[in-house]
Amino acid sequence: PRRVWRHGTLLGLLVAYQLFLGEEVLVFLVLAAGTFALAY
């Protein structure tokens, strides 16, 4: 639960990079991660 800022910053940079790899993968990732989080 610590290092929220550090992990969040890295997360934002990687998400931005993933957009330039493939937007469709990023959309699926968001949907799948949200589904998993709710199920967990």
Full PDB file with SEQRES, HELIX, SHEET, SSBOND, CRYST1, ORIGX, SCALE, CONECT and MASTER records, all heavy atoms in Angstrom:
SEQRES   1 A   40  PRO ARG ARG VAL TRP ARG HIS GLY THR LEU LEU GLY LEU          
SEQRES   2 A   40  LEU VAL ALA TYR GLN LEU PHE LEU GLY GLU GLU VAL LEU          
SEQRES   3 A   40  VAL PHE LEU VAL LEU ALA ALA GLY THR PHE ALA LEU ALA          
SEQRES   4 A   40  TYR                                                          
HELIX    1 AA1 VAL A    4  LEU A   19  1                                  16    
HELIX    2 AA2 GLU A   23  ALA A   39  1                                  17    
CRYST1    1.000    1.000    1.000  90.00  90.00  90.00 P 1           1          
ORIGX1      1.000000  0.000000  0.000000        0.00000                         
ORIGX2      0.000000  1.000000  0.000000        0.00000                         
ORIGX3      0.000000  0.000000  1.000000        0.00000                         
SCALE1      1.000000  0.000000  0.000000        0.00000                         
SCALE2      0.000000  1.000000  0.000000        0.00000                         
SCALE3      0.000000  0.000000  1.000000        0.00000                         
ATOM      1  N   PRO A   1       0.809  -1.230   0.000  1.00  0.00           N  
ATOM      2  CA  PRO A   1       0.000   0.000   0.000  1.00  0.00           C  
ATOM      3  C   PRO A   1       0.835   1.270   0.000  1.00  0.00           C  
ATOM      4  O   PRO A   1       0.303   2.366  -0.134  1.00  0.00           O  
ATOM      5  CB  PRO A   1      -0.829  -0.121   1.283  1.00  0.00           C  
ATOM      6  CG  PRO A   1       0.000  -0.970   2.179  1.00  0.00           C  
ATOM      7  CD  PRO A   1       0.729  -1.939   1.300  1.00  0.00           C  
ATOM      8  N   ARG A   2       2.146   1.139   0.148  1.00  0.00           N  
ATOM      9  CA  ARG A   2       3.015   2.314   0.128  1.00  0.00           C  
ATOM     10  C   ARG A   2       3.407   2.649  -1.309  1.00  0.00           C  
ATOM     11  O   ARG A   2       2.987   2.007  -2.235  1.00  0.00           O  
ATOM     12  CB  ARG A   2       4.255   2.050   0.975  1.00  0.00           C  
ATOM     13  CG  ARG A   2       3.944   1.758   2.458  1.00  0.00           C  
ATOM     14  CD  ARG A   2       5.154   1.205   3.171  1.00  0.00           C  
ATOM     15  NE  ARG A   2       5.571  -0.075   2.603  1.00  0.00           N  
ATOM     16  CZ  ARG A   2       6.666  -0.733   2.982  1.00  0.00           C  
ATOM     17  NH1 ARG A   2       7.442  -0.231   3.917  1.00  0.00           N  
ATOM     18  NH2 ARG A   2       6.966  -1.899   2.417  1.00  0.00           N  
ATOM     19  N   ARG A   3       4.202   3.680  -1.456  1.00  0.00           N  
ATOM     20  CA  ARG A   3       4.734   4.099  -2.758  1.00  0.00           C  
ATOM     21  C   ARG A   3       3.629   4.330  -3.782  1.00  0.00           C  
ATOM     22  O   ARG A   3       3.764   3.992  -4.961  1.00  0.00           O  
ATOM     23  CB  ARG A   3       5.714   3.056  -3.289  1.00  0.00           C  
ATOM     24  CG  ARG A   3       6.937   2.874  -2.399  1.00  0.00           C  
ATOM     25  CD  ARG A   3       7.873   1.836  -2.993  1.00  0.00           C  
ATOM     26  NE  ARG A   3       9.074   1.694  -2.187  1.00  0.00           N  
ATOM     27  CZ  ARG A   3      10.058   0.831  -2.457  1.00  0.00           C  
ATOM     28  NH1 ARG A   3       9.956   0.045  -3.514  1.00  0.00           N  
ATOM     29  NH2 ARG A   3      11.107   0.757  -1.683  1.00  0.00           N  
ATOM     30  N   VAL A   4       2.535   4.915  -3.338  1.00  0.00           N  
ATOM     31  CA  VAL A   4       1.431   5.180  -4.252  1.00  0.00           C  
ATOM     32  C   VAL A   4       1.850   6.125  -5.369  1.00  0.00           C  
ATOM     33  O   VAL A   4       1.540   5.902  -6.551  1.00  0.00           O  
ATOM     34  CB  VAL A   4       0.220   5.748  -3.472  1.00  0.00           C  
ATOM     35  CG1 VAL A   4      -0.833   6.283  -4.432  1.00  0.00           C  
ATOM     36  CG2 VAL A   4      -0.368   4.673  -2.574  1.00  0.00           C  
ATOM     37  N   TRP A   5       2.576   7.166  -5.023  1.00  0.00           N  
ATOM     38  CA  TRP A   5       2.974   8.148  -6.027  1.00  0.00           C  
ATOM     39  C   TRP A   5       3.943   7.551  -7.037  1.00  0.00           C  
ATOM     40  O   TRP A   5       3.808   7.761  -8.248  1.00  0.00           O  
ATOM     41  CB  TRP A   5       3.608   9.368  -5.348  1.00  0.00           C  
ATOM     42  CG  TRP A   5       2.599  10.239  -4.690  1.00  0.00           C  
ATOM     43  CD1 TRP A   5       2.230  10.238  -3.379  1.00  0.00           C  
ATOM     44  CD2 TRP A   5       1.799  11.240  -5.325  1.00  0.00           C  
ATOM     45  NE1 TRP A   5       1.255  11.172  -3.144  1.00  0.00           N  
ATOM     46  CE2 TRP A   5       0.962  11.809  -4.316  1.00  0.00           C  
ATOM     47  CE3 TRP A   5       1.702  11.715  -6.635  1.00  0.00           C  
ATOM     48  CZ2 TRP A   5       0.062  12.816  -4.595  1.00  0.00           C  
ATOM     49  CZ3 TRP A   5       0.801  12.732  -6.902  1.00  0.00           C  
ATOM     50  CH2 TRP A   5      -0.010  13.266  -5.887  1.00  0.00           C  
ATOM     51  N   ARG A   6       4.901   6.792  -6.534  1.00  0.00           N  
ATOM     52  CA  ARG A   6       5.893   6.202  -7.429  1.00  0.00           C  
ATOM     53  C   ARG A   6       5.244   5.201  -8.381  1.00  0.00           C  
ATOM     54  O   ARG A   6       5.450   5.263  -9.600  1.00  0.00           O  
ATOM     55  CB  ARG A   6       6.981   5.511  -6.612  1.00  0.00           C  
ATOM     56  CG  ARG A   6       8.021   4.795  -7.454  1.00  0.00           C  
ATOM     57  CD  ARG A   6       9.029   4.086  -6.577  1.00  0.00           C  
ATOM     58  NE  ARG A   6       9.982   3.320  -7.367  1.00  0.00           N  
ATOM     59  CZ  ARG A   6      10.948   2.571  -6.872  1.00  0.00           C  
ATOM     60  NH1 ARG A   6      11.087   2.487  -5.539  1.00  0.00           N  
ATOM     61  NH2 ARG A   6      11.763   1.890  -7.648  1.00  0.00           N  
ATOM     62  N   HIS A   7       4.458   4.285  -7.821  1.00  0.00           N  
ATOM     63  CA  HIS A   7       3.809   3.287  -8.661  1.00  0.00           C  
ATOM     64  C   HIS A   7       2.784   3.916  -9.601  1.00  0.00           C  
ATOM     65  O   HIS A   7       2.634   3.494 -10.752  1.00  0.00           O  
ATOM     66  CB  HIS A   7       3.145   2.220  -7.793  1.00  0.00           C  
ATOM     67  CG  HIS A   7       4.129   1.359  -7.070  1.00  0.00           C  
ATOM     68  ND1 HIS A   7       3.821   0.667  -5.911  1.00  0.00           N  
ATOM     69  CD2 HIS A   7       5.428   1.085  -7.313  1.00  0.00           C  
ATOM     70  CE1 HIS A   7       4.874   0.000  -5.498  1.00  0.00           C  
ATOM     71  NE2 HIS A   7       5.863   0.245  -6.327  1.00  0.00           N  
ATOM     72  N   GLY A   8       2.075   4.934  -9.109  1.00  0.00           N  
ATOM     73  CA  GLY A   8       1.098   5.612  -9.955  1.00  0.00           C  
ATOM     74  C   GLY A   8       1.753   6.335 -11.119  1.00  0.00           C  
ATOM     75  O   GLY A   8       1.228   6.343 -12.242  1.00  0.00           O  
ATOM     76  N   THR A   9       2.897   6.958 -10.862  1.00  0.00           N  
ATOM     77  CA  THR A   9       3.608   7.655 -11.942  1.00  0.00           C  
ATOM     78  C   THR A   9       4.078   6.671 -13.002  1.00  0.00           C  
ATOM     79  O   THR A   9       3.919   6.907 -14.213  1.00  0.00           O  
ATOM     80  CB  THR A   9       4.812   8.419 -11.358  1.00  0.00           C  
ATOM     81  OG1 THR A   9       4.350   9.376 -10.398  1.00  0.00           O  
ATOM     82  CG2 THR A   9       5.576   9.139 -12.464  1.00  0.00           C  
ATOM     83  N   LEU A  10       4.671   5.558 -12.566  1.00  0.00           N  
ATOM     84  CA  LEU A  10       5.093   4.533 -13.523  1.00  0.00           C  
ATOM     85  C   LEU A  10       3.899   3.993 -14.303  1.00  0.00           C  
ATOM     86  O   LEU A  10       3.983   3.757 -15.512  1.00  0.00           O  
ATOM     87  CB  LEU A  10       5.804   3.394 -12.791  1.00  0.00           C  
ATOM     88  CG  LEU A  10       7.196   3.706 -12.234  1.00  0.00           C  
ATOM     89  CD1 LEU A  10       7.701   2.535 -11.394  1.00  0.00           C  
ATOM     90  CD2 LEU A  10       8.171   4.009 -13.367  1.00  0.00           C  
ATOM     91  N   LEU A  11       2.790   3.811 -13.605  1.00  0.00           N  
ATOM     92  CA  LEU A  11       1.580   3.317 -14.253  1.00  0.00           C  
ATOM     93  C   LEU A  11       1.129   4.265 -15.358  1.00  0.00           C  
ATOM     94  O   LEU A  11       0.806   3.840 -16.475  1.00  0.00           O  
ATOM     95  CB  LEU A  11       0.472   3.136 -13.220  1.00  0.00           C  
ATOM     96  CG  LEU A  11      -0.902   2.720 -13.750  1.00  0.00           C  
ATOM     97  CD1 LEU A  11      -0.822   1.354 -14.409  1.00  0.00           C  
ATOM     98  CD2 LEU A  11      -1.919   2.708 -12.606  1.00  0.00           C  
ATOM     99  N   GLY A  12       1.110   5.555 -15.075  1.00  0.00           N  
ATOM    100  CA  GLY A  12       0.698   6.526 -16.079  1.00  0.00           C  
ATOM    101  C   GLY A  12       1.611   6.532 -17.291  1.00  0.00           C  
ATOM    102  O   GLY A  12       1.150   6.620 -18.434  1.00  0.00           O  
ATOM    103  N   LEU A  13       2.920   6.431 -17.059  1.00  0.00           N  
ATOM    104  CA  LEU A  13       3.866   6.404 -18.176  1.00  0.00           C  
ATOM    105  C   LEU A  13       3.683   5.156 -19.036  1.00  0.00           C  
ATOM    106  O   LEU A  13       3.719   5.227 -20.271  1.00  0.00           O  
ATOM    107  CB  LEU A  13       5.301   6.473 -17.633  1.00  0.00           C  
ATOM    108  CG  LEU A  13       5.697   7.778 -16.931  1.00  0.00           C  
ATOM    109  CD1 LEU A  13       7.087   7.652 -16.320  1.00  0.00           C  
ATOM    110  CD2 LEU A  13       5.650   8.957 -17.901  1.00  0.00           C  
ATOM    111  N   LEU A  14       3.474   4.009 -18.387  1.00  0.00           N  
ATOM    112  CA  LEU A  14       3.312   2.767 -19.143  1.00  0.00           C  
ATOM    113  C   LEU A  14       1.995   2.743 -19.910  1.00  0.00           C  
ATOM    114  O   LEU A  14       1.935   2.224 -21.032  1.00  0.00           O  
ATOM    115  CB  LEU A  14       3.400   1.566 -18.196  1.00  0.00           C  
ATOM    116  CG  LEU A  14       4.786   1.287 -17.613  1.00  0.00           C  
ATOM    117  CD1 LEU A  14       4.728   0.121 -16.639  1.00  0.00           C  
ATOM    118  CD2 LEU A  14       5.792   1.000 -18.719  1.00  0.00           C  
ATOM    119  N   VAL A  15       0.948   3.278 -19.314  1.00  0.00           N  
ATOM    120  CA  VAL A  15      -0.336   3.343 -20.020  1.00  0.00           C  
ATOM    121  C   VAL A  15      -0.200   4.226 -21.258  1.00  0.00           C  
ATOM    122  O   VAL A  15      -0.713   3.893 -22.337  1.00  0.00           O  
ATOM    123  CB  VAL A  15      -1.441   3.851 -19.084  1.00  0.00           C  
ATOM    124  CG1 VAL A  15      -2.679   4.260 -19.879  1.00  0.00           C  
ATOM    125  CG2 VAL A  15      -1.814   2.775 -18.067  1.00  0.00           C  
ATOM    126  N   ALA A  16       0.490   5.347 -21.109  1.00  0.00           N  
ATOM    127  CA  ALA A  16       0.696   6.228 -22.263  1.00  0.00           C  
ATOM    128  C   ALA A  16       1.482   5.502 -23.355  1.00  0.00           C  
ATOM    129  O   ALA A  16       1.163   5.600 -24.545  1.00  0.00           O  
ATOM    130  CB  ALA A  16       1.431   7.496 -21.825  1.00  0.00           C  
ATOM    131  N   TYR A  17       2.481   4.753 -22.954  1.00  0.00           N  
ATOM    132  CA  TYR A  17       3.276   4.020 -23.944  1.00  0.00           C  
ATOM    133  C   TYR A  17       2.443   2.931 -24.612  1.00  0.00           C  
ATOM    134  O   TYR A  17       2.552   2.720 -25.823  1.00  0.00           O  
ATOM    135  CB  TYR A  17       4.506   3.410 -23.271  1.00  0.00           C  
ATOM    136  CG  TYR A  17       5.551   2.959 -24.268  1.00  0.00           C  
ATOM    137  CD1 TYR A  17       6.491   3.857 -24.755  1.00  0.00           C  
ATOM    138  CD2 TYR A  17       5.590   1.650 -24.731  1.00  0.00           C  
ATOM    139  CE1 TYR A  17       7.453   3.448 -25.672  1.00  0.00           C  
ATOM    140  CE2 TYR A  17       6.534   1.234 -25.651  1.00  0.00           C  
ATOM    141  CZ  TYR A  17       7.470   2.135 -26.115  1.00  0.00           C  
ATOM    142  OH  TYR A  17       8.396   1.731 -27.036  1.00  0.00           O  
ATOM    143  N   GLN A  18       1.606   2.239 -23.818  1.00  0.00           N  
ATOM    144  CA  GLN A  18       0.772   1.180 -24.385  1.00  0.00           C  
ATOM    145  C   GLN A  18      -0.181   1.738 -25.441  1.00  0.00           C  
ATOM    146  O   GLN A  18      -0.487   1.060 -26.421  1.00  0.00           O  
ATOM    147  CB  GLN A  18      -0.026   0.480 -23.286  1.00  0.00           C  
ATOM    148  CG  GLN A  18      -0.964  -0.620 -23.767  1.00  0.00           C  
ATOM    149  CD  GLN A  18      -0.250  -1.748 -24.481  1.00  0.00           C  
ATOM    150  OE1 GLN A  18       0.675  -2.346 -23.955  1.00  0.00           O  
ATOM    151  NE2 GLN A  18      -0.690  -2.055 -25.691  1.00  0.00           N  
ATOM    152  N   LEU A  19      -0.627   2.959 -25.272  1.00  0.00           N  
ATOM    153  CA  LEU A  19      -1.503   3.564 -26.265  1.00  0.00           C  
ATOM    154  C   LEU A  19      -0.818   3.615 -27.621  1.00  0.00           C  
ATOM    155  O   LEU A  19      -1.467   3.450 -28.661  1.00  0.00           O  
ATOM    156  CB  LEU A  19      -1.915   4.975 -25.838  1.00  0.00           C  
ATOM    157  CG  LEU A  19      -2.986   5.630 -26.724  1.00  0.00           C  
ATOM    158  CD1 LEU A  19      -4.365   5.211 -26.243  1.00  0.00           C  
ATOM    159  CD2 LEU A  19      -2.869   7.143 -26.723  1.00  0.00           C  
ATOM    160  N   PHE A  20       0.511   3.838 -27.625  1.00  0.00           N  
ATOM    161  CA  PHE A  20       1.245   3.917 -28.887  1.00  0.00           C  
ATOM    162  C   PHE A  20       1.696   2.543 -29.376  1.00  0.00           C  
ATOM    163  O   PHE A  20       2.289   2.447 -30.442  1.00  0.00           O  
ATOM    164  CB  PHE A  20       2.450   4.846 -28.728  1.00  0.00           C  
ATOM    165  CG  PHE A  20       2.052   6.285 -28.522  1.00  0.00           C  
ATOM    166  CD1 PHE A  20       2.144   6.876 -27.280  1.00  0.00           C  
ATOM    167  CD2 PHE A  20       1.559   7.032 -29.576  1.00  0.00           C  
ATOM    168  CE1 PHE A  20       1.765   8.190 -27.086  1.00  0.00           C  
ATOM    169  CE2 PHE A  20       1.179   8.347 -29.403  1.00  0.00           C  
ATOM    170  CZ  PHE A  20       1.277   8.935 -28.146  1.00  0.00           C  
ATOM    171  N   LEU A  21       1.436   1.507 -28.592  1.00  0.00           N  
ATOM    172  CA  LEU A  21       1.615   0.147 -29.073  1.00  0.00           C  
ATOM    173  C   LEU A  21       0.322  -0.375 -29.695  1.00  0.00           C  
ATOM    174  O   LEU A  21       0.329  -0.959 -30.774  1.00  0.00           O  
ATOM    175  CB  LEU A  21       2.040  -0.778 -27.928  1.00  0.00           C  
ATOM    176  CG  LEU A  21       3.453  -0.612 -27.386  1.00  0.00           C  
ATOM    177  CD1 LEU A  21       3.641  -1.463 -26.133  1.00  0.00           C  
ATOM    178  CD2 LEU A  21       4.482  -1.012 -28.447  1.00  0.00           C  
ATOM    179  N   GLY A  22      -0.786  -0.181 -28.964  1.00  0.00           N  
ATOM    180  CA  GLY A  22      -2.067  -0.645 -29.463  1.00  0.00           C  
ATOM    181  C   GLY A  22      -3.193  -0.207 -28.553  1.00  0.00           C  
ATOM    182  O   GLY A  22      -3.244  -0.609 -27.390  1.00  0.00           O  
ATOM    183  N   GLU A  23      -4.069   0.620 -29.076  1.00  0.00           N  
ATOM    184  CA  GLU A  23      -5.182   1.128 -28.266  1.00  0.00           C  
ATOM    185  C   GLU A  23      -6.163   0.015 -27.922  1.00  0.00           C  
ATOM    186  O   GLU A  23      -6.757   0.015 -26.838  1.00  0.00           O  
ATOM    187  CB  GLU A  23      -5.894   2.257 -29.014  1.00  0.00           C  
ATOM    188  CG  GLU A  23      -5.047   3.498 -29.190  1.00  0.00           C  
ATOM    189  CD  GLU A  23      -5.818   4.624 -29.858  1.00  0.00           C  
ATOM    190  OE1 GLU A  23      -7.035   4.722 -29.633  1.00  0.00           O  
ATOM    191  OE2 GLU A  23      -5.190   5.407 -30.603  1.00  0.00           O  
ATOM    192  N   GLU A  24      -6.353  -0.942 -28.836  1.00  0.00           N  
ATOM    193  CA  GLU A  24      -7.330  -1.988 -28.581  1.00  0.00           C  
ATOM    194  C   GLU A  24      -6.897  -2.865 -27.411  1.00  0.00           C  
ATOM    195  O   GLU A  24      -7.704  -3.267 -26.573  1.00  0.00           O  
ATOM    196  CB  GLU A  24      -7.526  -2.838 -29.838  1.00  0.00           C  
ATOM    197  CG  GLU A  24      -8.770  -3.703 -29.791  1.00  0.00           C  
ATOM    198  CD  GLU A  24      -9.115  -4.300 -31.134  1.00  0.00           C  
ATOM    199  OE1 GLU A  24      -8.504  -3.908 -32.147  1.00  0.00           O  
ATOM    200  OE2 GLU A  24     -10.011  -5.165 -31.180  1.00  0.00           O  
ATOM    201  N   VAL A  25      -5.610  -3.156 -27.338  1.00  0.00           N  
ATOM    202  CA  VAL A  25      -5.092  -3.920 -26.198  1.00  0.00           C  
ATOM    203  C   VAL A  25      -5.320  -3.151 -24.906  1.00  0.00           C  
ATOM    204  O   VAL A  25      -5.691  -3.730 -23.876  1.00  0.00           O  
ATOM    205  CB  VAL A  25      -3.599  -4.235 -26.397  1.00  0.00           C  
ATOM    206  CG1 VAL A  25      -2.979  -4.759 -25.113  1.00  0.00           C  
ATOM    207  CG2 VAL A  25      -3.410  -5.256 -27.502  1.00  0.00           C  
ATOM    208  N   LEU A  26      -5.109  -1.837 -24.952  1.00  0.00           N  
ATOM    209  CA  LEU A  26      -5.307  -1.030 -23.749  1.00  0.00           C  
ATOM    210  C   LEU A  26      -6.760  -1.043 -23.312  1.00  0.00           C  
ATOM    211  O   LEU A  26      -7.060  -1.138 -22.110  1.00  0.00           O  
ATOM    212  CB  LEU A  26      -4.838   0.408 -24.013  1.00  0.00           C  
ATOM    213  CG  LEU A  26      -4.904   1.365 -22.819  1.00  0.00           C  
ATOM    214  CD1 LEU A  26      -4.079   0.851 -21.649  1.00  0.00           C  
ATOM    215  CD2 LEU A  26      -4.423   2.762 -23.232  1.00  0.00           C  
ATOM    216  N   VAL A  27      -7.689  -0.960 -24.263  1.00  0.00           N  
ATOM    217  CA  VAL A  27      -9.111  -1.024 -23.920  1.00  0.00           C  
ATOM    218  C   VAL A  27      -9.443  -2.367 -23.284  1.00  0.00           C  
ATOM    219  O   VAL A  27     -10.116  -2.438 -22.242  1.00  0.00           O  
ATOM    220  CB  VAL A  27      -9.980  -0.778 -25.166  1.00  0.00           C  
ATOM    221  CG1 VAL A  27     -11.442  -1.079 -24.873  1.00  0.00           C  
ATOM    222  CG2 VAL A  27      -9.835   0.664 -25.642  1.00  0.00           C  
ATOM    223  N   PHE A  28      -8.965  -3.446 -23.881  1.00  0.00           N  
ATOM    224  CA  PHE A  28      -9.212  -4.769 -23.310  1.00  0.00           C  
ATOM    225  C   PHE A  28      -8.592  -4.903 -21.928  1.00  0.00           C  
ATOM    226  O   PHE A  28      -9.154  -5.527 -21.031  1.00  0.00           O  
ATOM    227  CB  PHE A  28      -8.651  -5.847 -24.242  1.00  0.00           C  
ATOM    228  CG  PHE A  28      -9.548  -6.195 -25.397  1.00  0.00           C  
ATOM    229  CD1 PHE A  28     -10.439  -5.270 -25.925  1.00  0.00           C  
ATOM    230  CD2 PHE A  28      -9.511  -7.441 -25.977  1.00  0.00           C  
ATOM    231  CE1 PHE A  28     -11.273  -5.577 -26.988  1.00  0.00           C  
ATOM    232  CE2 PHE A  28     -10.330  -7.773 -27.042  1.00  0.00           C  
ATOM    233  CZ  PHE A  28     -11.211  -6.832 -27.550  1.00  0.00           C  
ATOM    234  N   LEU A  29      -7.426  -4.318 -21.770  1.00  0.00           N  
ATOM    235  CA  LEU A  29      -6.758  -4.370 -20.467  1.00  0.00           C  
ATOM    236  C   LEU A  29      -7.583  -3.673 -19.393  1.00  0.00           C  
ATOM    237  O   LEU A  29      -7.763  -4.198 -18.292  1.00  0.00           O  
ATOM    238  CB  LEU A  29      -5.382  -3.711 -20.585  1.00  0.00           C  
ATOM    239  CG  LEU A  29      -4.605  -3.481 -19.284  1.00  0.00           C  
ATOM    240  CD1 LEU A  29      -4.374  -4.792 -18.552  1.00  0.00           C  
ATOM    241  CD2 LEU A  29      -3.293  -2.780 -19.578  1.00  0.00           C  
ATOM    242  N   VAL A  30      -8.101  -2.499 -19.706  1.00  0.00           N  
ATOM    243  CA  VAL A  30      -8.920  -1.764 -18.749  1.00  0.00           C  
ATOM    244  C   VAL A  30     -10.175  -2.563 -18.390  1.00  0.00           C  
ATOM    245  O   VAL A  30     -10.539  -2.704 -17.213  1.00  0.00           O  
ATOM    246  CB  VAL A  30      -9.296  -0.376 -19.307  1.00  0.00           C  
ATOM    247  CG1 VAL A  30     -10.326   0.311 -18.419  1.00  0.00           C  
ATOM    248  CG2 VAL A  30      -8.049   0.493 -19.447  1.00  0.00           C  
ATOM    249  N   LEU A  31     -10.837  -3.095 -19.402  1.00  0.00           N  
ATOM    250  CA  LEU A  31     -12.059  -3.869 -19.159  1.00  0.00           C  
ATOM    251  C   LEU A  31     -11.762  -5.128 -18.349  1.00  0.00           C  
ATOM    252  O   LEU A  31     -12.493  -5.462 -17.401  1.00  0.00           O  
ATOM    253  CB  LEU A  31     -12.699  -4.253 -20.490  1.00  0.00           C  
ATOM    254  CG  LEU A  31     -13.228  -3.110 -21.357  1.00  0.00           C  
ATOM    255  CD1 LEU A  31     -13.661  -3.643 -22.715  1.00  0.00           C  
ATOM    256  CD2 LEU A  31     -14.377  -2.396 -20.675  1.00  0.00           C  
ATOM    257  N   ALA A  32     -10.686  -5.837 -18.709  1.00  0.00           N  
ATOM    258  CA  ALA A  32     -10.359  -7.076 -18.013  1.00  0.00           C  
ATOM    259  C   ALA A  32      -9.916  -6.810 -16.572  1.00  0.00           C  
ATOM    260  O   ALA A  32     -10.310  -7.532 -15.650  1.00  0.00           O  
ATOM    261  CB  ALA A  32      -9.268  -7.822 -18.774  1.00  0.00           C  
ATOM    262  N   ALA A  33      -9.090  -5.778 -16.385  1.00  0.00           N  
ATOM    263  CA  ALA A  33      -8.638  -5.459 -15.032  1.00  0.00           C  
ATOM    264  C   ALA A  33      -9.814  -5.041 -14.153  1.00  0.00           C  
ATOM    265  O   ALA A  33      -9.887  -5.415 -12.976  1.00  0.00           O  
ATOM    266  CB  ALA A  33      -7.584  -4.353 -15.082  1.00  0.00           C  
ATOM    267  N   GLY A  34     -10.737  -4.262 -14.706  1.00  0.00           N  
ATOM    268  CA  GLY A  34     -11.918  -3.875 -13.936  1.00  0.00           C  
ATOM    269  C   GLY A  34     -12.779  -5.067 -13.580  1.00  0.00           C  
ATOM    270  O   GLY A  34     -13.265  -5.189 -12.438  1.00  0.00           O  
ATOM    271  N   THR A  35     -12.980  -5.964 -14.533  1.00  0.00           N  
ATOM    272  CA  THR A  35     -13.758  -7.175 -14.258  1.00  0.00           C  
ATOM    273  C   THR A  35     -13.094  -8.018 -13.183  1.00  0.00           C  
ATOM    274  O   THR A  35     -13.750  -8.520 -12.253  1.00  0.00           O  
ATOM    275  CB  THR A  35     -13.911  -8.002 -15.546  1.00  0.00           C  
ATOM    276  OG1 THR A  35     -14.555  -7.211 -16.543  1.00  0.00           O  
ATOM    277  CG2 THR A  35     -14.718  -9.267 -15.295  1.00  0.00           C  
ATOM    278  N   PHE A  36     -11.784  -8.200 -13.299  1.00  0.00           N  
ATOM    279  CA  PHE A  36     -11.050  -8.988 -12.312  1.00  0.00           C  
ATOM    280  C   PHE A  36     -11.150  -8.359 -10.926  1.00  0.00           C  
ATOM    281  O   PHE A  36     -11.342  -9.051  -9.917  1.00  0.00           O  
ATOM    282  CB  PHE A  36      -9.590  -9.121 -12.727  1.00  0.00           C  
ATOM    283  CG  PHE A  36      -8.736  -9.768 -11.682  1.00  0.00           C  
ATOM    284  CD1 PHE A  36      -8.712 -11.151 -11.563  1.00  0.00           C  
ATOM    285  CD2 PHE A  36      -7.966  -9.014 -10.823  1.00  0.00           C  
ATOM    286  CE1 PHE A  36      -7.942 -11.767 -10.592  1.00  0.00           C  
ATOM    287  CE2 PHE A  36      -7.190  -9.612  -9.846  1.00  0.00           C  
ATOM    288  CZ  PHE A  36      -7.169 -10.992  -9.727  1.00  0.00           C  
ATOM    289  N   ALA A  37     -10.985  -7.026 -10.849  1.00  0.00           N  
ATOM    290  CA  ALA A  37     -11.025  -6.353  -9.552  1.00  0.00           C  
ATOM    291  C   ALA A  37     -12.385  -6.533  -8.881  1.00  0.00           C  
ATOM    292  O   ALA A  37     -12.467  -6.806  -7.674  1.00  0.00           O  
ATOM    293  CB  ALA A  37     -10.711  -4.864  -9.733  1.00  0.00           C  
ATOM    294  N   LEU A  38     -13.452  -6.407  -9.646  1.00  0.00           N  
ATOM    295  CA  LEU A  38     -14.788  -6.586  -9.074  1.00  0.00           C  
ATOM    296  C   LEU A  38     -15.000  -8.034  -8.630  1.00  0.00           C  
ATOM    297  O   LEU A  38     -15.570  -8.283  -7.548  1.00  0.00           O  
ATOM    298  CB  LEU A  38     -15.849  -6.189 -10.103  1.00  0.00           C  
ATOM    299  CG  LEU A  38     -15.909  -4.703 -10.469  1.00  0.00           C  
ATOM    300  CD1 LEU A  38     -16.913  -4.483 -11.589  1.00  0.00           C  
ATOM    301  CD2 LEU A  38     -16.279  -3.870  -9.241  1.00  0.00           C  
ATOM    302  N   ALA A  39     -14.536  -8.971  -9.439  1.00  0.00           N  
ATOM    303  CA  ALA A  39     -14.696 -10.381  -9.074  1.00  0.00           C  
ATOM    304  C   ALA A  39     -13.881 -10.721  -7.839  1.00  0.00           C  
ATOM    305  O   ALA A  39     -14.338 -11.472  -6.966  1.00  0.00           O  
ATOM    306  CB  ALA A  39     -14.288 -11.270 -10.252  1.00  0.00           C  
ATOM    307  N   TYR A  40     -12.685 -10.157  -7.739  1.00  0.00           N  
ATOM    308  CA  TYR A  40     -11.861 -10.426  -6.559  1.00  0.00           C  
ATOM    309  C   TYR A  40     -12.475  -9.797  -5.312  1.00  0.00           C  
ATOM    310  O   TYR A  40     -12.482 -10.397  -4.225  1.00  0.00           O  
ATOM    311  CB  TYR A  40     -10.444  -9.892  -6.763  1.00  0.00           C  
ATOM    312  CG  TYR A  40      -9.483 -10.394  -5.701  1.00  0.00           C  
ATOM    313  CD1 TYR A  40      -8.728 -11.528  -5.929  1.00  0.00           C  
ATOM    314  CD2 TYR A  40      -9.355  -9.747  -4.476  1.00  0.00           C  
ATOM    315  CE1 TYR A  40      -7.862 -12.010  -4.962  1.00  0.00           C  
ATOM    316  CE2 TYR A  40      -8.502 -10.217  -3.502  1.00  0.00           C  
ATOM    317  CZ  TYR A  40      -7.755 -11.355  -3.740  1.00  0.00           C  
ATOM    318  OH  TYR A  40      -6.916 -11.834  -2.775  1.00  0.00           O  
TER     319      TYR A  40                                                      
MASTER        0    0    0    2    0    0    0    6  318    1    0    4          
END                                                                             
